Amino acid sequence: MTSKLGIAAGLAVVLMAATTPAAHAATGNGEAVKLRKLDIMLMVNSLRCRSTPESFQSDYAAFASAHLAELNEANSTIKRDLTRRFGTAGGKRAFDRMSTQMANEYGGGHPWLDCHGLKQVTHELAHDHHQGALLAAADDLLDGNGRAKLVARY
């Protein structure tokens, strides 16, 4: 069942990203935080799954490379906001603390996707260049109701 859910999740992300309007492009701090969290979640899980048959480190590297500009812009948006609020040193500490908390949240794995599902999603995102694809994926994969939303589509 978990493997079928992983496949459904991956397909849903790709199908939804293809139909996401341009208005969902990463703008604003809230969306930037979602993109940062998506990136960290995939990175942490790629490391966690690296010694399994479902290793997806190469897929994560392709994802990070394909979306480098969008991920960097999200990080810059967050850093600018934190620097404005806490000063240069305080903003850097706040960014590091936020990133560490995000990584710790996924240290034990994704709440409902196994390594196979995460590998498939990461592979598909690495090749999806539709505007708003990452934000759509973040909305589905990071939302506590994401599993129900994805399963309901199939």
N, C-alpha and C. Protein backbone atom coordinates (compact mmCIF):
# COMPACT_ATOMS: atom_id res chain seq x y z
N MET A 1 0.84 -1.20 0.00
CA MET A 1 0.00 0.00 0.00
C MET A 1 0.87 1.25 0.00
N THR A 2 1.95 1.25 0.81
CA THR A 2 2.82 2.42 0.90
C THR A 2 3.44 2.72 -0.45
N SER A 3 3.86 1.67 -1.18
CA SER A 3 4.47 1.89 -2.47
C SER A 3 3.46 2.47 -3.47
N LYS A 4 2.21 2.00 -3.43
CA LYS A 4 1.18 2.56 -4.31
C LYS A 4 0.90 4.01 -3.95
N LEU A 5 0.93 4.32 -2.65
CA LEU A 5 0.72 5.69 -2.21
C LEU A 5 1.86 6.58 -2.71
N GLY A 6 3.08 6.06 -2.65
CA GLY A 6 4.23 6.82 -3.14
C GLY A 6 4.12 7.12 -4.62
N ILE A 7 3.68 6.13 -5.39
CA ILE A 7 3.51 6.34 -6.82
C ILE A 7 2.39 7.35 -7.07
N ALA A 8 1.28 7.21 -6.36
CA ALA A 8 0.17 8.15 -6.52
C ALA A 8 0.61 9.56 -6.16
N ALA A 9 1.39 9.68 -5.10
CA ALA A 9 1.86 11.00 -4.67
C ALA A 9 2.75 11.62 -5.74
N GLY A 10 3.65 10.83 -6.29
CA GLY A 10 4.54 11.34 -7.32
C GLY A 10 3.78 11.79 -8.56
N LEU A 11 2.84 10.98 -8.99
CA LEU A 11 2.04 11.34 -10.15
C LEU A 11 1.19 12.57 -9.89
N ALA A 12 0.63 12.65 -8.70
CA ALA A 12 -0.21 13.81 -8.38
C ALA A 12 0.60 15.09 -8.39
N VAL A 13 1.81 15.03 -7.87
CA VAL A 13 2.66 16.22 -7.85
C VAL A 13 2.94 16.68 -9.27
N VAL A 14 3.29 15.75 -10.14
CA VAL A 14 3.61 16.12 -11.51
C VAL A 14 2.37 16.66 -12.23
N LEU A 15 1.24 15.97 -12.08
CA LEU A 15 0.02 16.43 -12.75
C LEU A 15 -0.43 17.78 -12.23
N MET A 16 -0.36 17.98 -10.93
CA MET A 16 -0.79 19.24 -10.37
C MET A 16 0.16 20.37 -10.78
N ALA A 17 1.45 20.08 -10.80
CA ALA A 17 2.42 21.11 -11.16
C ALA A 17 2.22 21.56 -12.60
N ALA A 18 1.83 20.65 -13.45
CA ALA A 18 1.63 21.00 -14.85
C ALA A 18 0.43 21.93 -15.04
N THR A 19 -0.50 21.93 -14.09
CA THR A 19 -1.69 22.76 -14.23
C THR A 19 -1.70 23.94 -13.27
N THR A 20 -0.61 24.14 -12.54
CA THR A 20 -0.56 25.24 -11.59
C THR A 20 -0.36 26.55 -12.32
N PRO A 21 -1.18 27.57 -12.05
CA PRO A 21 -1.01 28.85 -12.74
C PRO A 21 0.26 29.57 -12.33
N ALA A 22 0.69 30.45 -13.19
CA ALA A 22 1.92 31.21 -12.93
C ALA A 22 1.81 32.03 -11.67
N ALA A 23 0.59 32.33 -11.23
CA ALA A 23 0.41 33.14 -10.02
C ALA A 23 0.96 32.44 -8.79
N HIS A 24 1.23 31.14 -8.89
CA HIS A 24 1.75 30.41 -7.74
C HIS A 24 3.27 30.44 -7.67
N ALA A 25 3.91 31.27 -8.44
CA ALA A 25 5.37 31.36 -8.40
C ALA A 25 5.81 31.81 -7.01
N ALA A 26 7.03 31.45 -6.65
CA ALA A 26 7.52 31.73 -5.30
C ALA A 26 7.72 33.21 -5.07
N THR A 27 6.79 33.82 -4.41
CA THR A 27 6.93 35.21 -4.01
C THR A 27 6.48 35.32 -2.58
N GLY A 28 7.10 36.18 -1.85
CA GLY A 28 6.72 36.37 -0.46
C GLY A 28 7.47 35.42 0.45
N ASN A 29 7.57 35.82 1.70
CA ASN A 29 8.33 35.05 2.67
C ASN A 29 7.69 33.70 2.98
N GLY A 30 6.37 33.64 3.08
CA GLY A 30 5.70 32.37 3.38
C GLY A 30 5.98 31.32 2.33
N GLU A 31 5.91 31.70 1.08
CA GLU A 31 6.20 30.77 0.00
C GLU A 31 7.68 30.42 -0.03
N ALA A 32 8.53 31.37 0.27
CA ALA A 32 9.98 31.11 0.31
C ALA A 32 10.29 30.08 1.40
N VAL A 33 9.63 30.19 2.54
CA VAL A 33 9.84 29.23 3.63
C VAL A 33 9.38 27.84 3.20
N LYS A 34 8.26 27.76 2.47
CA LYS A 34 7.80 26.46 1.97
C LYS A 34 8.83 25.82 1.05
N LEU A 35 9.42 26.63 0.17
CA LEU A 35 10.42 26.09 -0.75
C LEU A 35 11.67 25.65 -0.01
N ARG A 36 12.08 26.42 0.99
CA ARG A 36 13.24 26.03 1.80
C ARG A 36 12.96 24.70 2.51
N LYS A 37 11.76 24.58 3.05
CA LYS A 37 11.39 23.36 3.78
C LYS A 37 11.32 22.16 2.82
N LEU A 38 10.79 22.35 1.62
CA LEU A 38 10.76 21.27 0.62
C LEU A 38 12.17 20.81 0.29
N ASP A 39 13.04 21.76 0.04
CA ASP A 39 14.44 21.44 -0.29
C ASP A 39 15.10 20.67 0.85
N ILE A 40 14.94 21.15 2.06
CA ILE A 40 15.57 20.48 3.21
C ILE A 40 14.96 19.10 3.43
N MET A 41 13.64 18.98 3.29
CA MET A 41 12.99 17.68 3.47
C MET A 41 13.55 16.66 2.47
N LEU A 42 13.68 17.07 1.21
CA LEU A 42 14.21 16.15 0.21
C LEU A 42 15.68 15.83 0.47
N MET A 43 16.46 16.83 0.86
CA MET A 43 17.87 16.60 1.13
C MET A 43 18.06 15.63 2.29
N VAL A 44 17.38 15.89 3.40
CA VAL A 44 17.50 15.04 4.59
C VAL A 44 17.09 13.60 4.28
N ASN A 45 15.99 13.46 3.55
CA ASN A 45 15.53 12.11 3.24
C ASN A 45 16.41 11.42 2.21
N SER A 46 17.03 12.19 1.32
CA SER A 46 17.97 11.55 0.38
C SER A 46 19.16 10.99 1.14
N LEU A 47 19.57 11.68 2.19
CA LEU A 47 20.66 11.16 3.03
C LEU A 47 20.19 9.96 3.85
N ARG A 48 18.98 10.03 4.36
CA ARG A 48 18.43 8.94 5.18
C ARG A 48 18.25 7.68 4.34
N CYS A 49 17.89 7.82 3.09
CA CYS A 49 17.61 6.67 2.22
C CYS A 49 18.82 6.20 1.43
N ARG A 50 19.97 6.83 1.61
CA ARG A 50 21.12 6.55 0.74
C ARG A 50 21.64 5.12 0.82
N SER A 51 21.40 4.43 1.92
CA SER A 51 21.91 3.06 2.04
C SER A 51 20.81 2.03 1.77
N THR A 52 19.73 2.46 1.15
CA THR A 52 18.64 1.54 0.81
C THR A 52 18.64 1.32 -0.70
N PRO A 53 17.90 0.33 -1.16
CA PRO A 53 17.77 0.14 -2.62
C PRO A 53 17.08 1.31 -3.30
N GLU A 54 16.42 2.14 -2.53
CA GLU A 54 15.70 3.30 -3.08
C GLU A 54 16.48 4.60 -2.90
N SER A 55 17.80 4.52 -2.89
CA SER A 55 18.62 5.72 -2.76
C SER A 55 18.26 6.71 -3.87
N PHE A 56 18.13 7.96 -3.51
CA PHE A 56 17.80 8.97 -4.52
C PHE A 56 18.68 10.20 -4.41
N GLN A 57 19.93 10.00 -3.97
CA GLN A 57 20.85 11.13 -3.88
C GLN A 57 21.13 11.75 -5.24
N SER A 58 21.24 10.93 -6.28
CA SER A 58 21.49 11.50 -7.62
C SER A 58 20.25 12.27 -8.09
N ASP A 59 19.06 11.79 -7.75
CA ASP A 59 17.84 12.52 -8.11
C ASP A 59 17.76 13.83 -7.34
N TYR A 60 18.16 13.81 -6.07
CA TYR A 60 18.16 15.06 -5.29
C TYR A 60 19.16 16.05 -5.89
N ALA A 61 20.34 15.57 -6.28
CA ALA A 61 21.35 16.45 -6.88
C ALA A 61 20.79 17.07 -8.17
N ALA A 62 20.09 16.26 -8.98
CA ALA A 62 19.49 16.78 -10.22
C ALA A 62 18.40 17.79 -9.90
N PHE A 63 17.59 17.52 -8.87
CA PHE A 63 16.54 18.44 -8.43
C PHE A 63 17.16 19.77 -8.00
N ALA A 64 18.16 19.71 -7.14
CA ALA A 64 18.80 20.93 -6.62
C ALA A 64 19.44 21.73 -7.75
N SER A 65 20.05 21.04 -8.69
CA SER A 65 20.69 21.72 -9.82
C SER A 65 19.64 22.35 -10.74
N ALA A 66 18.59 21.61 -11.03
CA ALA A 66 17.55 22.11 -11.94
C ALA A 66 16.81 23.32 -11.38
N HIS A 67 16.69 23.39 -10.07
CA HIS A 67 15.91 24.46 -9.44
C HIS A 67 16.77 25.39 -8.59
N LEU A 68 18.06 25.40 -8.88
CA LEU A 68 19.00 26.19 -8.08
C LEU A 68 18.59 27.66 -7.98
N ALA A 69 18.25 28.27 -9.08
CA ALA A 69 17.91 29.70 -9.05
C ALA A 69 16.68 29.96 -8.17
N GLU A 70 15.66 29.13 -8.31
CA GLU A 70 14.43 29.31 -7.52
C GLU A 70 14.68 29.06 -6.04
N LEU A 71 15.46 28.03 -5.73
CA LEU A 71 15.78 27.73 -4.33
C LEU A 71 16.66 28.82 -3.72
N ASN A 72 17.62 29.31 -4.49
CA ASN A 72 18.48 30.39 -4.00
C ASN A 72 17.69 31.67 -3.76
N GLU A 73 16.75 31.97 -4.65
CA GLU A 73 15.92 33.16 -4.48
C GLU A 73 15.06 33.04 -3.22
N ALA A 74 14.52 31.85 -2.98
CA ALA A 74 13.74 31.63 -1.76
C ALA A 74 14.62 31.85 -0.52
N ASN A 75 15.81 31.29 -0.54
CA ASN A 75 16.73 31.47 0.59
C ASN A 75 17.08 32.94 0.79
N SER A 76 17.32 33.65 -0.30
CA SER A 76 17.65 35.08 -0.20
C SER A 76 16.49 35.88 0.37
N THR A 77 15.27 35.54 -0.03
CA THR A 77 14.08 36.21 0.49
C THR A 77 13.99 36.03 2.00
N ILE A 78 14.19 34.80 2.45
CA ILE A 78 14.13 34.51 3.88
C ILE A 78 15.24 35.26 4.62
N LYS A 79 16.44 35.20 4.09
CA LYS A 79 17.58 35.86 4.74
C LYS A 79 17.37 37.37 4.83
N ARG A 80 16.87 37.98 3.76
CA ARG A 80 16.60 39.43 3.79
C ARG A 80 15.59 39.77 4.88
N ASP A 81 14.54 38.99 4.97
CA ASP A 81 13.51 39.23 5.98
C ASP A 81 14.09 39.08 7.39
N LEU A 82 14.85 38.02 7.61
CA LEU A 82 15.42 37.79 8.94
C LEU A 82 16.46 38.85 9.29
N THR A 83 17.24 39.28 8.31
CA THR A 83 18.22 40.35 8.54
C THR A 83 17.52 41.66 8.89
N ARG A 84 16.44 41.95 8.18
CA ARG A 84 15.67 43.16 8.49
C ARG A 84 15.12 43.10 9.91
N ARG A 85 14.67 41.94 10.33
CA ARG A 85 14.05 41.80 11.65
C ARG A 85 15.07 41.68 12.78
N PHE A 86 16.21 41.01 12.54
CA PHE A 86 17.13 40.69 13.63
C PHE A 86 18.55 41.21 13.44
N GLY A 87 18.80 41.95 12.38
CA GLY A 87 20.15 42.42 12.11
C GLY A 87 20.95 41.35 11.38
N THR A 88 22.16 41.70 10.97
CA THR A 88 22.97 40.78 10.17
C THR A 88 23.29 39.49 10.92
N ALA A 89 23.90 39.61 12.08
CA ALA A 89 24.29 38.41 12.83
C ALA A 89 23.06 37.65 13.33
N GLY A 90 22.09 38.36 13.84
CA GLY A 90 20.88 37.71 14.34
C GLY A 90 20.10 37.04 13.23
N GLY A 91 20.06 37.64 12.06
CA GLY A 91 19.37 37.05 10.92
C GLY A 91 20.04 35.77 10.46
N LYS A 92 21.37 35.76 10.45
CA LYS A 92 22.12 34.55 10.08
C LYS A 92 21.83 33.43 11.07
N ARG A 93 21.86 33.76 12.36
CA ARG A 93 21.56 32.75 13.39
C ARG A 93 20.12 32.24 13.25
N ALA A 94 19.19 33.14 12.99
CA ALA A 94 17.79 32.74 12.85
C ALA A 94 17.60 31.82 11.63
N PHE A 95 18.29 32.13 10.52
CA PHE A 95 18.21 31.30 9.32
C PHE A 95 18.78 29.91 9.61
N ASP A 96 19.93 29.86 10.27
CA ASP A 96 20.54 28.57 10.60
C ASP A 96 19.66 27.77 11.55
N ARG A 97 19.10 28.44 12.54
CA ARG A 97 18.22 27.77 13.51
C ARG A 97 16.97 27.23 12.81
N MET A 98 16.36 28.03 11.93
CA MET A 98 15.19 27.61 11.19
C MET A 98 15.52 26.39 10.32
N SER A 99 16.65 26.43 9.63
CA SER A 99 17.05 25.33 8.75
C SER A 99 17.30 24.06 9.55
N THR A 100 17.92 24.19 10.71
CA THR A 100 18.19 23.03 11.56
C THR A 100 16.88 22.43 12.07
N GLN A 101 15.95 23.27 12.46
CA GLN A 101 14.65 22.77 12.93
C GLN A 101 13.92 22.03 11.81
N MET A 102 13.99 22.55 10.60
CA MET A 102 13.37 21.88 9.46
C MET A 102 14.01 20.52 9.23
N ALA A 103 15.33 20.47 9.26
CA ALA A 103 16.05 19.21 9.04
C ALA A 103 15.70 18.20 10.13
N ASN A 104 15.65 18.65 11.36
CA ASN A 104 15.32 17.75 12.47
C ASN A 104 13.91 17.18 12.33
N GLU A 105 13.01 17.98 11.78
CA GLU A 105 11.63 17.52 11.61
C GLU A 105 11.55 16.29 10.71
N TYR A 106 12.47 16.19 9.74
CA TYR A 106 12.43 15.08 8.79
C TYR A 106 13.53 14.05 9.02
N GLY A 107 14.25 14.14 10.12
CA GLY A 107 15.31 13.18 10.41
C GLY A 107 14.82 11.75 10.50
N GLY A 108 13.60 11.55 10.93
CA GLY A 108 13.03 10.22 11.03
C GLY A 108 12.26 9.80 9.80
N GLY A 109 12.27 10.64 8.78
CA GLY A 109 11.57 10.33 7.54
C GLY A 109 10.39 11.24 7.31
N HIS A 110 9.81 11.10 6.15
CA HIS A 110 8.61 11.85 5.79
C HIS A 110 7.43 11.20 6.51
N PRO A 111 6.44 11.99 6.91
CA PRO A 111 5.32 11.42 7.66
C PRO A 111 4.55 10.31 6.95
N TRP A 112 4.48 10.32 5.62
CA TRP A 112 3.70 9.30 4.94
C TRP A 112 4.27 8.79 3.63
N LEU A 113 5.41 9.30 3.20
CA LEU A 113 6.07 8.77 2.01
C LEU A 113 7.32 8.00 2.43
N ASP A 114 7.50 6.83 1.85
CA ASP A 114 8.70 6.05 2.11
C ASP A 114 9.79 6.46 1.10
N CYS A 115 10.93 5.80 1.18
CA CYS A 115 12.05 6.15 0.30
C CYS A 115 11.67 6.00 -1.17
N HIS A 116 10.90 4.99 -1.51
CA HIS A 116 10.48 4.78 -2.90
C HIS A 116 9.65 5.97 -3.39
N GLY A 117 8.66 6.36 -2.61
CA GLY A 117 7.81 7.48 -2.99
C GLY A 117 8.58 8.78 -3.10
N LEU A 118 9.48 9.02 -2.14
CA LEU A 118 10.29 10.24 -2.17
C LEU A 118 11.24 10.25 -3.37
N LYS A 119 11.76 9.08 -3.69
CA LYS A 119 12.65 8.98 -4.86
C LYS A 119 11.88 9.36 -6.12
N GLN A 120 10.69 8.84 -6.27
CA GLN A 120 9.90 9.12 -7.46
C GLN A 120 9.53 10.60 -7.55
N VAL A 121 9.08 11.16 -6.44
CA VAL A 121 8.72 12.57 -6.42
C VAL A 121 9.93 13.45 -6.76
N THR A 122 11.07 13.14 -6.16
CA THR A 122 12.28 13.93 -6.39
C THR A 122 12.71 13.85 -7.85
N HIS A 123 12.65 12.64 -8.40
CA HIS A 123 13.02 12.46 -9.82
C HIS A 123 12.10 13.29 -10.71
N GLU A 124 10.81 13.24 -10.46
CA GLU A 124 9.85 13.98 -11.28
C GLU A 124 10.03 15.49 -11.13
N LEU A 125 10.29 15.95 -9.91
CA LEU A 125 10.51 17.38 -9.70
C LEU A 125 11.79 17.86 -10.37
N ALA A 126 12.78 17.00 -10.44
CA ALA A 126 14.05 17.37 -11.09
C ALA A 126 13.83 17.68 -12.57
N HIS A 127 12.81 17.08 -13.15
CA HIS A 127 12.55 17.27 -14.58
C HIS A 127 11.35 18.16 -14.86
N ASP A 128 10.74 18.69 -13.83
CA ASP A 128 9.56 19.54 -14.01
C ASP A 128 9.99 21.00 -13.91
N HIS A 129 9.88 21.71 -15.01
CA HIS A 129 10.31 23.11 -15.04
C HIS A 129 9.14 24.08 -15.18
N HIS A 130 7.93 23.60 -14.91
CA HIS A 130 6.76 24.48 -14.96
C HIS A 130 6.86 25.49 -13.83
N GLN A 131 6.50 26.72 -14.15
CA GLN A 131 6.51 27.74 -13.11
C GLN A 131 5.51 27.36 -12.03
N GLY A 132 5.95 27.39 -10.79
CA GLY A 132 5.10 27.06 -9.66
C GLY A 132 5.12 25.59 -9.27
N ALA A 133 5.88 24.76 -9.99
CA ALA A 133 5.90 23.32 -9.69
C ALA A 133 6.39 23.04 -8.28
N LEU A 134 7.44 23.75 -7.84
CA LEU A 134 7.98 23.49 -6.51
C LEU A 134 7.00 23.92 -5.42
N LEU A 135 6.37 25.03 -5.61
CA LEU A 135 5.41 25.50 -4.61
C LEU A 135 4.22 24.54 -4.53
N ALA A 136 3.76 24.05 -5.68
CA ALA A 136 2.67 23.07 -5.68
C ALA A 136 3.09 21.80 -4.96
N ALA A 137 4.31 21.34 -5.21
CA ALA A 137 4.81 20.14 -4.53
C ALA A 137 4.92 20.39 -3.03
N ALA A 138 5.42 21.55 -2.65
CA ALA A 138 5.53 21.88 -1.22
C ALA A 138 4.15 21.88 -0.57
N ASP A 139 3.16 22.45 -1.25
CA ASP A 139 1.81 22.47 -0.70
C ASP A 139 1.29 21.06 -0.44
N ASP A 140 1.58 20.13 -1.35
CA ASP A 140 1.10 18.76 -1.17
C ASP A 140 1.95 17.94 -0.21
N LEU A 141 3.25 18.07 -0.30
CA LEU A 141 4.14 17.19 0.46
C LEU A 141 4.38 17.65 1.90
N LEU A 142 4.20 18.93 2.17
CA LEU A 142 4.49 19.44 3.51
C LEU A 142 3.25 19.67 4.33
N ASP A 143 2.11 19.71 3.70
CA ASP A 143 0.84 19.95 4.37
C ASP A 143 0.42 18.69 5.12
N GLY A 144 -0.04 18.86 6.33
CA GLY A 144 -0.51 17.72 7.11
C GLY A 144 -1.66 17.01 6.44
N ASN A 145 -2.40 17.70 5.58
CA ASN A 145 -3.51 17.09 4.86
C ASN A 145 -3.11 16.64 3.46
N GLY A 146 -1.82 16.75 3.15
CA GLY A 146 -1.35 16.41 1.81
C GLY A 146 -1.66 14.99 1.40
N ARG A 147 -1.51 14.05 2.32
CA ARG A 147 -1.78 12.65 2.01
C ARG A 147 -3.24 12.47 1.61
N ALA A 148 -4.13 13.05 2.38
CA ALA A 148 -5.55 12.93 2.07
C ALA A 148 -5.86 13.57 0.71
N LYS A 149 -5.25 14.73 0.44
CA LYS A 149 -5.50 15.41 -0.84
C LYS A 149 -5.03 14.57 -2.00
N LEU A 150 -3.85 13.94 -1.88
CA LEU A 150 -3.30 13.15 -2.96
C LEU A 150 -4.09 11.87 -3.16
N VAL A 151 -4.42 11.21 -2.08
CA VAL A 151 -5.17 9.95 -2.18
C VAL A 151 -6.56 10.21 -2.74
N ALA A 152 -7.18 11.32 -2.40
CA ALA A 152 -8.52 11.64 -2.87
C ALA A 152 -8.56 11.81 -4.38
N ARG A 153 -7.44 12.17 -5.00
CA ARG A 153 -7.40 12.36 -6.45
C ARG A 153 -7.39 11.04 -7.21
N TYR A 154 -7.13 9.93 -6.51
CA TYR A 154 -6.98 8.64 -7.21
C TYR A 154 -7.94 7.60 -6.67
